PDB file of all heavy atoms in Angstrom:
ATOM      1  N   ARG A   1       4.827  -1.660  -5.625  1.00  0.00           N
ATOM      2  CA  ARG A   1       3.910  -2.109  -6.713  1.00  0.00           C
ATOM      3  C   ARG A   1       3.097  -3.307  -6.303  1.00  0.00           C
ATOM      4  O   ARG A   1       1.890  -3.397  -6.551  1.00  0.00           O
ATOM      5  CB  ARG A   1       4.688  -2.358  -7.990  1.00  0.00           C
ATOM      6  CG  ARG A   1       5.206  -1.067  -8.655  1.00  0.00           C
ATOM      7  CD  ARG A   1       6.089  -1.387  -9.893  1.00  0.00           C
ATOM      8  NE  ARG A   1       6.564  -0.155 -10.441  1.00  0.00           N
ATOM      9  CZ  ARG A   1       7.833   0.068 -10.755  1.00  0.00           C
ATOM     10  NH1 ARG A   1       8.763  -0.875 -10.541  1.00  0.00           N
ATOM     11  NH2 ARG A   1       8.208   1.224 -11.245  1.00  0.00           N
ATOM     12  N   ASP A   2       3.782  -4.241  -5.645  1.00  0.00           N
ATOM     13  CA  ASP A   2       3.068  -5.449  -5.185  1.00  0.00           C
ATOM     14  C   ASP A   2       2.045  -5.077  -4.120  1.00  0.00           C
ATOM     15  O   ASP A   2       0.927  -5.571  -4.134  1.00  0.00           O
ATOM     16  CB  ASP A   2       4.096  -6.453  -4.610  1.00  0.00           C
ATOM     17  CG  ASP A   2       3.402  -7.735  -4.179  1.00  0.00           C
ATOM     18  OD1 ASP A   2       2.769  -8.364  -5.011  1.00  0.00           O
ATOM     19  OD2 ASP A   2       3.501  -8.086  -2.938  1.00  0.00           O
ATOM     20  N   ALA A   3       2.424  -4.166  -3.202  1.00  0.00           N
ATOM     21  CA  ALA A   3       1.482  -3.730  -2.161  1.00  0.00           C
ATOM     22  C   ALA A   3       0.256  -3.083  -2.806  1.00  0.00           C
ATOM     23  O   ALA A   3      -0.866  -3.237  -2.342  1.00  0.00           O
ATOM     24  CB  ALA A   3       2.173  -2.809  -1.194  1.00  0.00           C
ATOM     25  N   ALA A   4       0.472  -2.326  -3.854  1.00  0.00           N
ATOM     26  CA  ALA A   4      -0.669  -1.643  -4.549  1.00  0.00           C
ATOM     27  C   ALA A   4      -1.667  -2.644  -5.056  1.00  0.00           C
ATOM     28  O   ALA A   4      -2.891  -2.352  -5.058  1.00  0.00           O
ATOM     29  CB  ALA A   4      -0.156  -0.765  -5.693  1.00  0.00           C
ATOM     30  N   THR A   5      -1.254  -3.834  -5.467  1.00  0.00           N
ATOM     31  CA  THR A   5      -2.166  -4.848  -5.948  1.00  0.00           C
ATOM     32  C   THR A   5      -3.086  -5.338  -4.856  1.00  0.00           C
ATOM     33  O   THR A   5      -4.119  -5.961  -5.131  1.00  0.00           O
ATOM     34  CB  THR A   5      -1.468  -6.029  -6.598  1.00  0.00           C
ATOM     35  OG1 THR A   5      -0.748  -6.783  -5.579  1.00  0.00           O
ATOM     36  CG2 THR A   5      -0.528  -5.569  -7.696  1.00  0.00           C
ATOM     37  N   ARG A   6      -2.711  -5.111  -3.610  1.00  0.00           N
ATOM     38  CA  ARG A   6      -3.526  -5.589  -2.490  1.00  0.00           C
ATOM     39  C   ARG A   6      -4.292  -4.473  -1.772  1.00  0.00           C
ATOM     40  O   ARG A   6      -4.794  -4.634  -0.671  1.00  0.00           O
ATOM     41  CB  ARG A   6      -2.618  -6.320  -1.496  1.00  0.00           C
ATOM     42  CG  ARG A   6      -2.079  -7.608  -2.073  1.00  0.00           C
ATOM     43  CD  ARG A   6      -1.293  -8.437  -1.052  1.00  0.00           C
ATOM     44  NE  ARG A   6      -0.282  -7.703  -0.315  1.00  0.00           N
ATOM     45  CZ  ARG A   6       0.974  -7.566  -0.675  1.00  0.00           C
ATOM     46  NH1 ARG A   6       1.335  -8.031  -1.841  1.00  0.00           N
ATOM     47  NH2 ARG A   6       1.810  -6.867   0.067  1.00  0.00           N
ATOM     48  N   SER A   7      -4.387  -3.343  -2.439  1.00  0.00           N
ATOM     49  CA  SER A   7      -5.102  -2.216  -1.842  1.00  0.00           C
ATOM     50  C   SER A   7      -6.642  -2.472  -1.945  1.00  0.00           C
ATOM     51  O   SER A   7      -7.083  -3.317  -2.686  1.00  0.00           O
ATOM     52  CB  SER A   7      -4.759  -0.909  -2.490  1.00  0.00           C
ATOM     53  OG  SER A   7      -5.242  -0.833  -3.806  1.00  0.00           O
ATOM     54  N   TYR A   8      -7.351  -1.710  -1.194  1.00  0.00           N
ATOM     55  CA  TYR A   8      -8.853  -1.736  -1.212  1.00  0.00           C
ATOM     56  C   TYR A   8      -9.280  -0.379  -1.729  1.00  0.00           C
ATOM     57  O   TYR A   8      -9.290   0.581  -0.946  1.00  0.00           O
ATOM     58  CB  TYR A   8      -9.413  -2.075   0.176  1.00  0.00           C
ATOM     59  CG  TYR A   8     -10.888  -2.057   0.237  1.00  0.00           C
ATOM     60  CD1 TYR A   8     -11.626  -3.110  -0.327  1.00  0.00           C
ATOM     61  CD2 TYR A   8     -11.581  -1.012   0.814  1.00  0.00           C
ATOM     62  CE1 TYR A   8     -13.009  -3.113  -0.266  1.00  0.00           C
ATOM     63  CE2 TYR A   8     -12.954  -1.026   0.892  1.00  0.00           C
ATOM     64  CZ  TYR A   8     -13.665  -2.086   0.364  1.00  0.00           C
ATOM     65  OH  TYR A   8     -15.051  -2.103   0.386  1.00  0.00           O
ATOM     66  N   ALA A   9      -9.574  -0.277  -3.041  1.00  0.00           N
ATOM     67  CA  ALA A   9      -9.894   0.987  -3.634  1.00  0.00           C
ATOM     68  C   ALA A   9     -11.129   0.897  -4.535  1.00  0.00           C
ATOM     69  O   ALA A   9     -11.071   1.211  -5.733  1.00  0.00           O
ATOM     70  CB  ALA A   9      -8.706   1.498  -4.439  1.00  0.00           C
ATOM     71  N   PRO A  10     -12.299   0.466  -3.962  1.00  0.00           N
ATOM     72  CA  PRO A  10     -13.454   0.319  -4.853  1.00  0.00           C
ATOM     73  C   PRO A  10     -14.126   1.626  -5.299  1.00  0.00           C
ATOM     74  O   PRO A  10     -14.898   1.617  -6.249  1.00  0.00           O
ATOM     75  CB  PRO A  10     -14.411  -0.477  -3.960  1.00  0.00           C
ATOM     76  CG  PRO A  10     -14.051  -0.095  -2.576  1.00  0.00           C
ATOM     77  CD  PRO A  10     -12.552   0.108  -2.588  1.00  0.00           C
ATOM     78  N   TYR A  11     -13.776   2.705  -4.645  1.00  0.00           N
ATOM     79  CA  TYR A  11     -14.427   4.003  -4.973  1.00  0.00           C
ATOM     80  C   TYR A  11     -13.626   4.830  -5.980  1.00  0.00           C
ATOM     81  O   TYR A  11     -14.121   5.137  -7.040  1.00  0.00           O
ATOM     82  CB  TYR A  11     -14.693   4.808  -3.676  1.00  0.00           C
ATOM     83  CG  TYR A  11     -15.472   3.952  -2.669  1.00  0.00           C
ATOM     84  CD1 TYR A  11     -14.814   3.390  -1.570  1.00  0.00           C
ATOM     85  CD2 TYR A  11     -16.810   3.572  -2.946  1.00  0.00           C
ATOM     86  CE1 TYR A  11     -15.474   2.591  -0.650  1.00  0.00           C
ATOM     87  CE2 TYR A  11     -17.442   2.726  -2.041  1.00  0.00           C
ATOM     88  CZ  TYR A  11     -16.817   2.246  -0.928  1.00  0.00           C
ATOM     89  OH  TYR A  11     -17.467   1.402  -0.095  1.00  0.00           O
ATOM     90  N   SER A  12     -12.381   5.094  -5.681  1.00  0.00           N
ATOM     91  CA  SER A  12     -11.536   5.903  -6.592  1.00  0.00           C
ATOM     92  C   SER A  12     -10.948   4.994  -7.661  1.00  0.00           C
ATOM     93  O   SER A  12     -10.541   5.494  -8.751  1.00  0.00           O
ATOM     94  CB  SER A  12     -10.434   6.609  -5.849  1.00  0.00           C
ATOM     95  OG  SER A  12      -9.430   5.693  -5.424  1.00  0.00           O
ATOM     96  N   ARG A  13     -10.796   3.725  -7.359  1.00  0.00           N
ATOM     97  CA  ARG A  13     -10.054   2.746  -8.189  1.00  0.00           C
ATOM     98  C   ARG A  13      -8.560   3.143  -8.391  1.00  0.00           C
ATOM     99  O   ARG A  13      -7.953   2.713  -9.299  1.00  0.00           O
ATOM    100  CB  ARG A  13     -10.767   2.572  -9.532  1.00  0.00           C
ATOM    101  CG  ARG A  13     -12.196   2.089  -9.411  1.00  0.00           C
ATOM    102  CD  ARG A  13     -12.626   1.246 -10.548  1.00  0.00           C
ATOM    103  NE  ARG A  13     -14.018   0.930 -10.575  1.00  0.00           N
ATOM    104  CZ  ARG A  13     -14.582   0.011  -9.762  1.00  0.00           C
ATOM    105  NH1 ARG A  13     -13.909  -0.596  -8.877  1.00  0.00           N
ATOM    106  NH2 ARG A  13     -15.870  -0.219  -9.830  1.00  0.00           N
ATOM    107  N   VAL A  14      -8.096   3.975  -7.559  1.00  0.00           N
ATOM    108  CA  VAL A  14      -6.673   4.383  -7.538  1.00  0.00           C
ATOM    109  C   VAL A  14      -5.961   3.553  -6.460  1.00  0.00           C
ATOM    110  O   VAL A  14      -6.093   3.826  -5.308  1.00  0.00           O
ATOM    111  CB  VAL A  14      -6.438   5.878  -7.272  1.00  0.00           C
ATOM    112  CG1 VAL A  14      -4.991   6.180  -7.234  1.00  0.00           C
ATOM    113  CG2 VAL A  14      -7.145   6.669  -8.352  1.00  0.00           C
ATOM    114  N   ARG A  15      -5.291   2.479  -6.924  1.00  0.00           N
ATOM    115  CA  ARG A  15      -4.577   1.624  -6.026  1.00  0.00           C
ATOM    116  C   ARG A  15      -3.242   2.297  -5.700  1.00  0.00           C
ATOM    117  O   ARG A  15      -2.570   2.780  -6.604  1.00  0.00           O
ATOM    118  CB  ARG A  15      -4.368   0.279  -6.606  1.00  0.00           C
ATOM    119  CG  ARG A  15      -5.678  -0.462  -6.806  1.00  0.00           C
ATOM    120  CD  ARG A  15      -5.390  -1.814  -7.501  1.00  0.00           C
ATOM    121  NE  ARG A  15      -6.615  -2.650  -7.537  1.00  0.00           N
ATOM    122  CZ  ARG A  15      -7.038  -3.468  -6.602  1.00  0.00           C
ATOM    123  NH1 ARG A  15      -6.357  -3.506  -5.496  1.00  0.00           N
ATOM    124  NH2 ARG A  15      -8.129  -4.132  -6.720  1.00  0.00           N
ATOM    125  N   VAL A  16      -2.847   2.293  -4.382  1.00  0.00           N
ATOM    126  CA  VAL A  16      -1.593   2.878  -4.027  1.00  0.00           C
ATOM    127  C   VAL A  16      -0.853   1.916  -3.075  1.00  0.00           C
ATOM    128  O   VAL A  16      -1.528   1.324  -2.192  1.00  0.00           O
ATOM    129  CB  VAL A  16      -1.805   4.256  -3.330  1.00  0.00           C
ATOM    130  CG1 VAL A  16      -0.433   4.857  -2.879  1.00  0.00           C
ATOM    131  CG2 VAL A  16      -2.539   5.197  -4.217  1.00  0.00           C
ATOM    132  N   GLY A  17       0.429   1.731  -3.337  1.00  0.00           N
ATOM    133  CA  GLY A  17       1.242   0.907  -2.475  1.00  0.00           C
ATOM    134  C   GLY A  17       2.433   1.690  -2.028  1.00  0.00           C
ATOM    135  O   GLY A  17       2.927   2.616  -2.705  1.00  0.00           O
ATOM    136  N   ALA A  18       2.965   1.309  -0.858  1.00  0.00           N
ATOM    137  CA  ALA A  18       4.135   1.982  -0.324  1.00  0.00           C
ATOM    138  C   ALA A  18       5.045   0.936   0.288  1.00  0.00           C
ATOM    139  O   ALA A  18       4.603  -0.084   0.816  1.00  0.00           O
ATOM    140  CB  ALA A  18       3.743   3.035   0.733  1.00  0.00           C
ATOM    141  N   SER A  19       6.327   1.176   0.160  1.00  0.00           N
ATOM    142  CA  SER A  19       7.329   0.350   0.861  1.00  0.00           C
ATOM    143  C   SER A  19       8.413   1.246   1.411  1.00  0.00           C
ATOM    144  O   SER A  19       8.596   2.374   0.921  1.00  0.00           O
ATOM    145  CB  SER A  19       7.890  -0.723  -0.056  1.00  0.00           C
ATOM    146  OG  SER A  19       8.674  -0.145  -1.025  1.00  0.00           O
ATOM    147  N   ALA A  20       9.130   0.739   2.418  1.00  0.00           N
ATOM    148  CA  ALA A  20      10.149   1.534   3.028  1.00  0.00           C
ATOM    149  C   ALA A  20      11.275   0.695   3.546  1.00  0.00           C
ATOM    150  O   ALA A  20      11.058  -0.448   3.994  1.00  0.00           O
ATOM    151  CB  ALA A  20       9.562   2.387   4.169  1.00  0.00           C
ATOM    152  N   LEU A  21      12.436   1.243   3.554  1.00  0.00           N
ATOM    153  CA  LEU A  21      13.576   0.655   4.238  1.00  0.00           C
ATOM    154  C   LEU A  21      13.632   1.290   5.631  1.00  0.00           C
ATOM    155  O   LEU A  21      13.529   2.559   5.772  1.00  0.00           O
ATOM    156  CB  LEU A  21      14.884   0.980   3.477  1.00  0.00           C
ATOM    157  CG  LEU A  21      16.173   0.546   4.119  1.00  0.00           C
ATOM    158  CD1 LEU A  21      16.243  -0.978   4.275  1.00  0.00           C
ATOM    159  CD2 LEU A  21      17.341   1.055   3.363  1.00  0.00           C
ATOM    160  N   THR A  22      13.781   0.497   6.668  1.00  0.00           N
ATOM    161  CA  THR A  22      13.794   0.970   8.033  1.00  0.00           C
ATOM    162  C   THR A  22      15.230   0.952   8.612  1.00  0.00           C
ATOM    163  O   THR A  22      16.086   0.314   8.068  1.00  0.00           O
ATOM    164  CB  THR A  22      12.885   0.131   8.943  1.00  0.00           C
ATOM    165  OG1 THR A  22      13.492  -1.145   9.173  1.00  0.00           O
ATOM    166  CG2 THR A  22      11.505  -0.023   8.349  1.00  0.00           C
ATOM    167  N   SER A  23      15.365   1.653   9.724  1.00  0.00           N
ATOM    168  CA  SER A  23      16.668   1.687  10.337  1.00  0.00           C
ATOM    169  C   SER A  23      17.097   0.312  10.920  1.00  0.00           C
ATOM    170  O   SER A  23      18.275   0.068  11.200  1.00  0.00           O
ATOM    171  CB  SER A  23      16.751   2.744  11.453  1.00  0.00           C
ATOM    172  OG  SER A  23      15.750   2.468  12.460  1.00  0.00           O
ATOM    173  N   SER A  24      16.138  -0.583  11.052  1.00  0.00           N
ATOM    174  CA  SER A  24      16.495  -1.957  11.516  1.00  0.00           C
ATOM    175  C   SER A  24      16.871  -2.853  10.339  1.00  0.00           C
ATOM    176  O   SER A  24      17.154  -4.005  10.510  1.00  0.00           O
ATOM    177  CB  SER A  24      15.324  -2.563  12.279  1.00  0.00           C
ATOM    178  OG  SER A  24      14.209  -2.813  11.385  1.00  0.00           O
ATOM    179  N   GLY A  25      16.844  -2.268   9.130  1.00  0.00           N
ATOM    180  CA  GLY A  25      17.199  -3.046   7.915  1.00  0.00           C
ATOM    181  C   GLY A  25      16.033  -3.767   7.265  1.00  0.00           C
ATOM    182  O   GLY A  25      16.254  -4.487   6.231  1.00  0.00           O
ATOM    183  N   GLU A  26      14.854  -3.678   7.802  1.00  0.00           N
ATOM    184  CA  GLU A  26      13.661  -4.342   7.247  1.00  0.00           C
ATOM    185  C   GLU A  26      13.085  -3.528   6.109  1.00  0.00           C
ATOM    186  O   GLU A  26      13.236  -2.322   6.061  1.00  0.00           O
ATOM    187  CB  GLU A  26      12.638  -4.587   8.305  1.00  0.00           C
ATOM    188  CG  GLU A  26      13.101  -5.547   9.363  1.00  0.00           C
ATOM    189  CD  GLU A  26      11.993  -5.868  10.349  1.00  0.00           C
ATOM    190  OE1 GLU A  26      11.051  -6.486   9.895  1.00  0.00           O
ATOM    191  OE2 GLU A  26      12.110  -5.515  11.528  1.00  0.00           O
ATOM    192  N   ILE A  27      12.363  -4.171   5.249  1.00  0.00           N
ATOM    193  CA  ILE A  27      11.509  -3.551   4.274  1.00  0.00           C
ATOM    194  C   ILE A  27      10.079  -3.807   4.670  1.00  0.00           C
ATOM    195  O   ILE A  27       9.692  -4.948   4.907  1.00  0.00           O
ATOM    196  CB  ILE A  27      11.784  -4.010   2.841  1.00  0.00           C
ATOM    197  CG1 ILE A  27      13.208  -3.620   2.395  1.00  0.00           C
ATOM    198  CG2 ILE A  27      10.777  -3.434   1.879  1.00  0.00           C
ATOM    199  CD1 ILE A  27      13.597  -4.067   1.046  1.00  0.00           C
ATOM    200  N   ILE A  28       9.319  -2.754   4.806  1.00  0.00           N
ATOM    201  CA  ILE A  28       7.910  -2.813   5.256  1.00  0.00           C
ATOM    202  C   ILE A  28       7.051  -2.324   4.079  1.00  0.00           C
ATOM    203  O   ILE A  28       7.566  -1.665   3.201  1.00  0.00           O
ATOM    204  CB  ILE A  28       7.668  -2.063   6.546  1.00  0.00           C
ATOM    205  CG1 ILE A  28       8.058  -0.583   6.389  1.00  0.00           C
ATOM    206  CG2 ILE A  28       8.420  -2.716   7.706  1.00  0.00           C
ATOM    207  CD1 ILE A  28       7.657   0.301   7.500  1.00  0.00           C
ATOM    208  N   GLU A  29       5.721  -2.558   4.188  1.00  0.00           N
ATOM    209  CA  GLU A  29       4.818  -2.206   3.121  1.00  0.00           C
ATOM    210  C   GLU A  29       3.503  -1.715   3.667  1.00  0.00           C
ATOM    211  O   GLU A  29       3.119  -2.000   4.833  1.00  0.00           O
ATOM    212  CB  GLU A  29       4.561  -3.427   2.203  1.00  0.00           C
ATOM    213  CG  GLU A  29       5.754  -3.977   1.555  1.00  0.00           C
ATOM    214  CD  GLU A  29       5.449  -5.303   0.900  1.00  0.00           C
ATOM    215  OE1 GLU A  29       4.355  -5.844   0.985  1.00  0.00           O
ATOM    216  OE2 GLU A  29       6.383  -5.844   0.203  1.00  0.00           O
ATOM    217  N   GLY A  30       2.747  -1.051   2.825  1.00  0.00           N
ATOM    218  CA  GLY A  30       1.407  -0.626   3.147  1.00  0.00           C
ATOM    219  C   GLY A  30       0.646  -0.385   1.859  1.00  0.00           C
ATOM    220  O   GLY A  30       1.238  -0.134   0.827  1.00  0.00           O
ATOM    221  N   SER A  31      -0.685  -0.488   1.930  1.00  0.00           N
ATOM    222  CA  SER A  31      -1.527  -0.167   0.794  1.00  0.00           C
ATOM    223  C   SER A  31      -2.722   0.628   1.255  1.00  0.00           C
ATOM    224  O   SER A  31      -3.084   0.588   2.405  1.00  0.00           O
ATOM    225  CB  SER A  31      -1.968  -1.436   0.023  1.00  0.00           C
ATOM    226  OG  SER A  31      -2.591  -2.318   0.917  1.00  0.00           O
ATOM    227  N   ASN A  32      -3.295   1.438   0.328  1.00  0.00           N
ATOM    228  CA  ASN A  32      -4.431   2.234   0.762  1.00  0.00           C
ATOM    229  C   ASN A  32      -5.673   1.384   0.946  1.00  0.00           C
ATOM    230  O   ASN A  32      -5.858   0.326   0.407  1.00  0.00           O
ATOM    231  CB  ASN A  32      -4.714   3.325  -0.278  1.00  0.00           C
ATOM    232  CG  ASN A  32      -5.068   2.883  -1.696  1.00  0.00           C
ATOM    233  OD1 ASN A  32      -4.534   1.864  -2.191  1.00  0.00           O
ATOM    234  ND2 ASN A  32      -5.961   3.585  -2.354  1.00  0.00           N
ATOM    235  N   VAL A  33      -6.504   1.885   1.877  1.00  0.00           N
ATOM    236  CA  VAL A  33      -7.741   1.220   2.248  1.00  0.00           C
ATOM    237  C   VAL A  33      -8.831   2.312   2.241  1.00  0.00           C
ATOM    238  O   VAL A  33      -8.862   3.169   3.142  1.00  0.00           O
ATOM    239  CB  VAL A  33      -7.635   0.570   3.678  1.00  0.00           C
ATOM    240  CG1 VAL A  33      -8.967  -0.090   4.030  1.00  0.00           C
ATOM    241  CG2 VAL A  33      -6.466  -0.390   3.721  1.00  0.00           C
ATOM    242  N   GLU A  34      -9.647   2.270   1.232  1.00  0.00           N
ATOM    243  CA  GLU A  34     -10.687   3.247   1.100  1.00  0.00           C
ATOM    244  C   GLU A  34     -11.914   2.921   2.012  1.00  0.00           C
ATOM    245  O   GLU A  34     -12.005   1.774   2.492  1.00  0.00           O
ATOM    246  CB  GLU A  34     -11.147   3.393  -0.343  1.00  0.00           C
ATOM    247  CG  GLU A  34     -10.086   3.972  -1.231  1.00  0.00           C
ATOM    248  CD  GLU A  34     -10.532   4.213  -2.661  1.00  0.00           C
ATOM    249  OE1 GLU A  34     -11.595   3.660  -3.083  1.00  0.00           O
ATOM    250  OE2 GLU A  34      -9.782   4.898  -3.349  1.00  0.00           O
ATOM    251  N   ASN A  35     -12.754   3.905   2.161  1.00  0.00           N
ATOM    252  CA  ASN A  35     -13.976   3.723   3.000  1.00  0.00           C
ATOM    253  C   ASN A  35     -15.102   4.524   2.315  1.00  0.00           C
ATOM    254  O   ASN A  35     -14.868   5.547   1.725  1.00  0.00           O
ATOM    255  CB  ASN A  35     -13.698   4.274   4.379  1.00  0.00           C
ATOM    256  CG  ASN A  35     -14.772   3.939   5.367  1.00  0.00           C
ATOM    257  OD1 ASN A  35     -15.827   4.528   5.351  1.00  0.00           O
ATOM    258  ND2 ASN A  35     -14.512   2.954   6.198  1.00  0.00           N
ATOM    259  N   ALA A  36     -16.318   3.972   2.412  1.00  0.00           N
ATOM    260  CA  ALA A  36     -17.468   4.679   1.853  1.00  0.00           C
ATOM    261  C   ALA A  36     -17.613   6.089   2.361  1.00  0.00           C
ATOM    262  O   ALA A  36     -18.053   6.981   1.715  1.00  0.00           O
ATOM    263  CB  ALA A  36     -18.780   3.872   2.101  1.00  0.00           C
TER     264      ALA A  36
END
């Protein structure tokens, strides 16, 4: 949810965030980045 707030979605306005638990024990994140 926090990652979704940092997405770049000026076209669809649909912000998406993702997070994951990795085999190294870390939590990583990503957010969508739209393009014209």
